[in-house]
């Protein structure tokens, strides 16, 4: 059974990676996806992320793992930024939710 589970997880990871394109190559698993403006104070003043238009889809509380567990949002992002506050994991900039 362990072998079957490993194969299933590898297939799931490959499916997630296949969803991302060259314009949004960074695959992440995140807890939230919202316009930059919804949390702009934190992104700008705590994380030091600047120059992002307010309507840019921004993902937070992300992890760079191959397979997203249940309850998180799989996204592909144009770029990532680290938050200087160190609490949000990588922050995805200009992200699109992908269906697995």
N, C-alpha and C. Protein backbone atom coordinates (compact mmCIF):
# COMPACT_ATOMS: atom_id res chain seq x y z
N UNK A 1 0.82 -1.19 0.00
CA UNK A 1 0.00 0.00 0.00
C UNK A 1 0.86 1.26 0.00
N UNK A 2 1.99 1.23 0.68
CA UNK A 2 2.88 2.38 0.72
C UNK A 2 3.36 2.74 -0.68
N UNK A 3 3.68 1.72 -1.48
CA UNK A 3 4.14 1.96 -2.84
C UNK A 3 3.06 2.66 -3.66
N UNK A 4 1.82 2.22 -3.53
CA UNK A 4 0.70 2.84 -4.25
C UNK A 4 0.54 4.30 -3.83
N UNK A 5 0.64 4.58 -2.53
CA UNK A 5 0.52 5.94 -2.03
C UNK A 5 1.62 6.83 -2.59
N UNK A 6 2.84 6.32 -2.65
CA UNK A 6 3.96 7.10 -3.20
C UNK A 6 3.72 7.44 -4.66
N UNK A 7 3.23 6.48 -5.42
CA UNK A 7 2.96 6.72 -6.84
C UNK A 7 1.85 7.75 -6.99
N UNK A 8 0.82 7.65 -6.16
CA UNK A 8 -0.29 8.60 -6.21
C UNK A 8 0.20 10.01 -5.91
N UNK A 9 1.02 10.17 -4.88
CA UNK A 9 1.54 11.49 -4.52
C UNK A 9 2.43 12.05 -5.62
N UNK A 10 3.24 11.21 -6.24
CA UNK A 10 4.09 11.68 -7.34
C UNK A 10 3.24 12.13 -8.53
N UNK A 11 2.19 11.41 -8.83
CA UNK A 11 1.31 11.80 -9.93
C UNK A 11 0.62 13.12 -9.60
N UNK A 12 0.20 13.28 -8.35
CA UNK A 12 -0.46 14.51 -7.92
C UNK A 12 0.50 15.69 -8.04
N UNK A 13 1.74 15.50 -7.63
CA UNK A 13 2.75 16.56 -7.71
C UNK A 13 3.02 16.93 -9.17
N UNK A 14 3.10 15.94 -10.03
CA UNK A 14 3.33 16.22 -11.45
C UNK A 14 2.16 17.00 -12.04
N UNK A 15 0.94 16.67 -11.62
CA UNK A 15 -0.24 17.39 -12.11
C UNK A 15 -0.20 18.84 -11.67
N UNK A 16 0.22 19.08 -10.43
CA UNK A 16 0.30 20.45 -9.92
C UNK A 16 1.33 21.25 -10.70
N UNK A 17 2.48 20.67 -10.94
CA UNK A 17 3.55 21.36 -11.66
C UNK A 17 3.14 21.64 -13.11
N UNK A 18 2.37 20.74 -13.70
CA UNK A 18 1.96 20.90 -15.09
C UNK A 18 0.99 22.07 -15.26
N UNK A 19 0.32 22.48 -14.20
CA UNK A 19 -0.64 23.57 -14.27
C UNK A 19 0.02 24.93 -14.46
N UNK A 20 1.23 25.11 -13.97
CA UNK A 20 1.90 26.41 -14.03
C UNK A 20 2.51 26.63 -15.42
N UNK A 21 2.51 27.90 -15.84
CA UNK A 21 3.03 28.26 -17.16
C UNK A 21 4.32 29.06 -17.01
N UNK A 22 4.95 29.36 -18.12
CA UNK A 22 6.20 30.13 -18.06
C UNK A 22 5.97 31.55 -17.56
N UNK A 23 4.76 32.09 -17.72
CA UNK A 23 4.50 33.44 -17.22
C UNK A 23 4.16 33.45 -15.73
N UNK A 24 3.76 32.29 -15.19
CA UNK A 24 3.49 32.14 -13.76
C UNK A 24 4.11 30.81 -13.31
N UNK A 25 5.44 30.75 -13.23
CA UNK A 25 6.11 29.47 -13.00
C UNK A 25 6.14 28.98 -11.55
N UNK A 26 5.86 29.84 -10.58
CA UNK A 26 6.01 29.46 -9.18
C UNK A 26 4.75 28.82 -8.64
N UNK A 27 4.80 27.51 -8.41
CA UNK A 27 3.68 26.78 -7.84
C UNK A 27 3.75 26.81 -6.32
N UNK A 28 2.65 27.21 -5.69
CA UNK A 28 2.59 27.31 -4.23
C UNK A 28 1.29 26.71 -3.72
N UNK A 29 1.28 26.37 -2.45
CA UNK A 29 0.08 25.95 -1.74
C UNK A 29 -0.14 27.01 -0.66
N UNK A 30 -1.28 27.71 -0.73
CA UNK A 30 -1.48 28.89 0.13
C UNK A 30 -2.81 28.83 0.88
N UNK A 31 -2.87 29.56 1.96
CA UNK A 31 -4.11 29.65 2.74
C UNK A 31 -5.03 30.75 2.26
N UNK A 32 -4.49 31.77 1.58
CA UNK A 32 -5.36 32.84 1.10
C UNK A 32 -4.89 33.36 -0.25
N UNK A 33 -5.86 33.87 -1.01
CA UNK A 33 -5.60 34.49 -2.31
C UNK A 33 -6.57 35.65 -2.43
N UNK A 34 -6.03 36.87 -2.49
CA UNK A 34 -6.87 38.08 -2.52
C UNK A 34 -6.09 39.20 -3.21
N UNK A 35 -6.78 40.27 -3.60
CA UNK A 35 -6.06 41.41 -4.18
C UNK A 35 -5.03 41.98 -3.20
N UNK A 36 -3.93 42.48 -3.74
CA UNK A 36 -2.88 43.08 -2.93
C UNK A 36 -3.46 44.11 -1.97
N UNK A 37 -4.45 44.87 -2.44
CA UNK A 37 -5.03 45.94 -1.63
C UNK A 37 -5.72 45.44 -0.36
N UNK A 38 -6.12 44.18 -0.32
CA UNK A 38 -6.82 43.67 0.87
C UNK A 38 -5.91 43.56 2.08
N UNK A 39 -4.60 43.56 1.86
CA UNK A 39 -3.64 43.46 2.97
C UNK A 39 -2.42 44.35 2.69
N UNK A 40 -2.65 45.45 1.97
CA UNK A 40 -1.53 46.28 1.51
C UNK A 40 -0.69 46.86 2.64
N UNK A 41 -1.29 47.15 3.79
CA UNK A 41 -0.50 47.69 4.90
C UNK A 41 0.59 46.69 5.30
N UNK A 42 0.20 45.43 5.47
CA UNK A 42 1.18 44.40 5.86
C UNK A 42 2.21 44.19 4.76
N UNK A 43 1.74 44.02 3.51
CA UNK A 43 2.68 43.77 2.41
C UNK A 43 3.70 44.89 2.27
N UNK A 44 3.25 46.13 2.40
CA UNK A 44 4.13 47.28 2.19
C UNK A 44 4.97 47.60 3.42
N UNK A 45 4.35 47.70 4.58
CA UNK A 45 5.05 48.19 5.78
C UNK A 45 5.76 47.13 6.60
N UNK A 46 5.28 45.91 6.57
CA UNK A 46 5.92 44.84 7.34
C UNK A 46 6.81 43.97 6.45
N UNK A 47 6.29 43.63 5.28
CA UNK A 47 7.04 42.76 4.38
C UNK A 47 7.98 43.51 3.45
N UNK A 48 7.74 44.80 3.24
CA UNK A 48 8.60 45.58 2.36
C UNK A 48 8.36 45.33 0.88
N UNK A 49 7.17 44.83 0.53
CA UNK A 49 6.83 44.58 -0.87
C UNK A 49 6.19 45.84 -1.43
N UNK A 50 6.82 46.43 -2.43
CA UNK A 50 6.31 47.68 -3.00
C UNK A 50 6.18 47.56 -4.51
N UNK A 51 5.48 48.53 -5.10
CA UNK A 51 5.36 48.59 -6.56
C UNK A 51 4.37 47.60 -7.14
N UNK A 52 3.48 47.05 -6.32
CA UNK A 52 2.49 46.09 -6.80
C UNK A 52 1.14 46.80 -6.94
N UNK A 53 0.51 46.75 -8.12
CA UNK A 53 -0.80 47.38 -8.28
C UNK A 53 -1.83 46.78 -7.30
N UNK A 54 -2.75 47.60 -6.81
CA UNK A 54 -3.70 47.16 -5.79
C UNK A 54 -4.56 45.95 -6.16
N UNK A 55 -4.87 45.78 -7.44
CA UNK A 55 -5.74 44.68 -7.84
C UNK A 55 -4.99 43.38 -8.17
N UNK A 56 -3.69 43.34 -7.94
CA UNK A 56 -2.89 42.16 -8.24
C UNK A 56 -3.23 41.02 -7.29
N UNK A 57 -3.60 39.84 -7.82
CA UNK A 57 -3.90 38.69 -6.96
C UNK A 57 -2.64 38.27 -6.19
N UNK A 58 -2.76 38.27 -4.86
CA UNK A 58 -1.62 38.01 -3.98
C UNK A 58 -1.96 36.86 -3.05
N UNK A 59 -1.08 35.88 -2.97
CA UNK A 59 -1.30 34.70 -2.14
C UNK A 59 -0.42 34.77 -0.90
N UNK A 60 -0.99 34.34 0.23
CA UNK A 60 -0.20 34.39 1.47
C UNK A 60 -0.35 33.11 2.27
N UNK A 61 0.49 33.03 3.30
CA UNK A 61 0.59 31.82 4.12
C UNK A 61 0.85 30.63 3.21
N UNK A 62 1.87 30.77 2.37
CA UNK A 62 2.18 29.77 1.34
C UNK A 62 3.33 28.86 1.75
N UNK A 63 3.35 27.71 1.10
CA UNK A 63 4.46 26.77 1.20
C UNK A 63 4.82 26.34 -0.21
N UNK A 64 6.09 26.13 -0.44
CA UNK A 64 6.54 25.63 -1.73
C UNK A 64 6.70 24.13 -1.63
N UNK A 65 5.57 23.43 -1.75
CA UNK A 65 5.57 21.97 -1.71
C UNK A 65 4.93 21.46 -2.98
N UNK A 66 5.20 20.21 -3.31
CA UNK A 66 4.74 19.65 -4.58
C UNK A 66 3.25 19.37 -4.61
N UNK A 67 2.70 18.86 -3.52
CA UNK A 67 1.30 18.48 -3.49
C UNK A 67 0.58 19.25 -2.40
N UNK A 68 -0.50 19.92 -2.76
CA UNK A 68 -1.25 20.71 -1.79
C UNK A 68 -2.21 19.82 -1.01
N UNK A 69 -2.14 19.87 0.31
CA UNK A 69 -3.10 19.11 1.11
C UNK A 69 -4.48 19.76 1.06
N UNK A 70 -5.45 19.04 1.50
CA UNK A 70 -6.82 19.55 1.55
C UNK A 70 -6.89 20.81 2.42
N UNK A 71 -7.68 21.77 1.99
CA UNK A 71 -7.87 22.98 2.78
C UNK A 71 -6.98 24.14 2.40
N UNK A 72 -6.05 23.94 1.48
CA UNK A 72 -5.22 25.05 1.01
C UNK A 72 -5.48 25.27 -0.48
N UNK A 73 -5.02 26.40 -0.99
CA UNK A 73 -5.30 26.81 -2.36
C UNK A 73 -4.07 26.59 -3.23
N UNK A 74 -4.16 25.76 -4.27
CA UNK A 74 -3.04 25.61 -5.19
C UNK A 74 -3.03 26.80 -6.16
N UNK A 75 -1.89 27.47 -6.26
CA UNK A 75 -1.77 28.64 -7.13
C UNK A 75 -0.48 28.58 -7.94
N UNK A 76 -0.49 29.30 -9.05
CA UNK A 76 0.71 29.55 -9.84
C UNK A 76 0.91 31.06 -9.84
N UNK A 77 2.13 31.50 -9.55
CA UNK A 77 2.40 32.93 -9.39
C UNK A 77 3.52 33.39 -10.31
N UNK A 78 3.45 34.66 -10.68
CA UNK A 78 4.48 35.26 -11.52
C UNK A 78 5.80 35.35 -10.76
N UNK A 79 5.72 35.66 -9.47
CA UNK A 79 6.92 35.75 -8.65
C UNK A 79 6.56 35.53 -7.19
N UNK A 80 7.59 35.40 -6.37
CA UNK A 80 7.38 35.29 -4.92
C UNK A 80 8.27 36.31 -4.22
N UNK A 81 7.87 36.64 -3.01
CA UNK A 81 8.65 37.56 -2.18
C UNK A 81 8.64 37.01 -0.76
N UNK A 82 9.72 37.21 -0.06
CA UNK A 82 9.77 36.83 1.35
C UNK A 82 9.27 38.00 2.17
N UNK A 83 8.54 37.69 3.21
CA UNK A 83 8.05 38.74 4.11
C UNK A 83 9.08 38.96 5.20
N UNK A 84 9.53 40.21 5.34
CA UNK A 84 10.50 40.54 6.38
C UNK A 84 10.01 40.21 7.77
N UNK A 85 8.69 40.19 7.97
CA UNK A 85 8.12 39.83 9.26
C UNK A 85 8.26 38.35 9.55
N UNK A 86 8.48 37.55 8.49
CA UNK A 86 8.73 36.12 8.64
C UNK A 86 7.52 35.29 9.03
N UNK A 87 6.32 35.82 8.90
CA UNK A 87 5.16 35.08 9.36
C UNK A 87 4.30 34.51 8.24
N UNK A 88 4.43 34.99 7.04
CA UNK A 88 3.54 34.58 5.97
C UNK A 88 4.12 33.56 5.01
N UNK A 89 5.33 33.06 5.26
CA UNK A 89 5.95 32.19 4.28
C UNK A 89 6.21 32.97 3.02
N UNK A 90 6.52 32.30 1.91
CA UNK A 90 6.65 33.05 0.67
C UNK A 90 5.30 33.68 0.32
N UNK A 91 5.33 34.88 -0.19
CA UNK A 91 4.13 35.58 -0.63
C UNK A 91 4.13 35.50 -2.15
N UNK A 92 3.04 35.01 -2.73
CA UNK A 92 2.93 34.91 -4.18
C UNK A 92 2.36 36.18 -4.78
N UNK A 93 3.01 36.69 -5.81
CA UNK A 93 2.58 37.92 -6.48
C UNK A 93 2.03 37.57 -7.87
N UNK A 94 0.89 38.14 -8.21
CA UNK A 94 0.20 37.90 -9.48
C UNK A 94 -0.07 36.41 -9.68
N UNK A 95 -0.95 35.89 -8.84
CA UNK A 95 -1.23 34.46 -8.80
C UNK A 95 -2.58 34.11 -9.42
N UNK A 96 -2.66 32.89 -9.88
CA UNK A 96 -3.90 32.33 -10.41
C UNK A 96 -4.14 31.00 -9.71
N UNK A 97 -5.36 30.81 -9.25
CA UNK A 97 -5.73 29.53 -8.65
C UNK A 97 -5.78 28.49 -9.75
N UNK A 98 -5.25 27.31 -9.48
CA UNK A 98 -5.30 26.22 -10.44
C UNK A 98 -6.13 25.08 -9.87
N UNK A 99 -6.77 24.36 -10.74
CA UNK A 99 -7.56 23.20 -10.33
C UNK A 99 -6.73 21.95 -10.57
N UNK A 100 -6.70 21.10 -9.59
CA UNK A 100 -5.94 19.85 -9.73
C UNK A 100 -6.89 18.70 -9.98
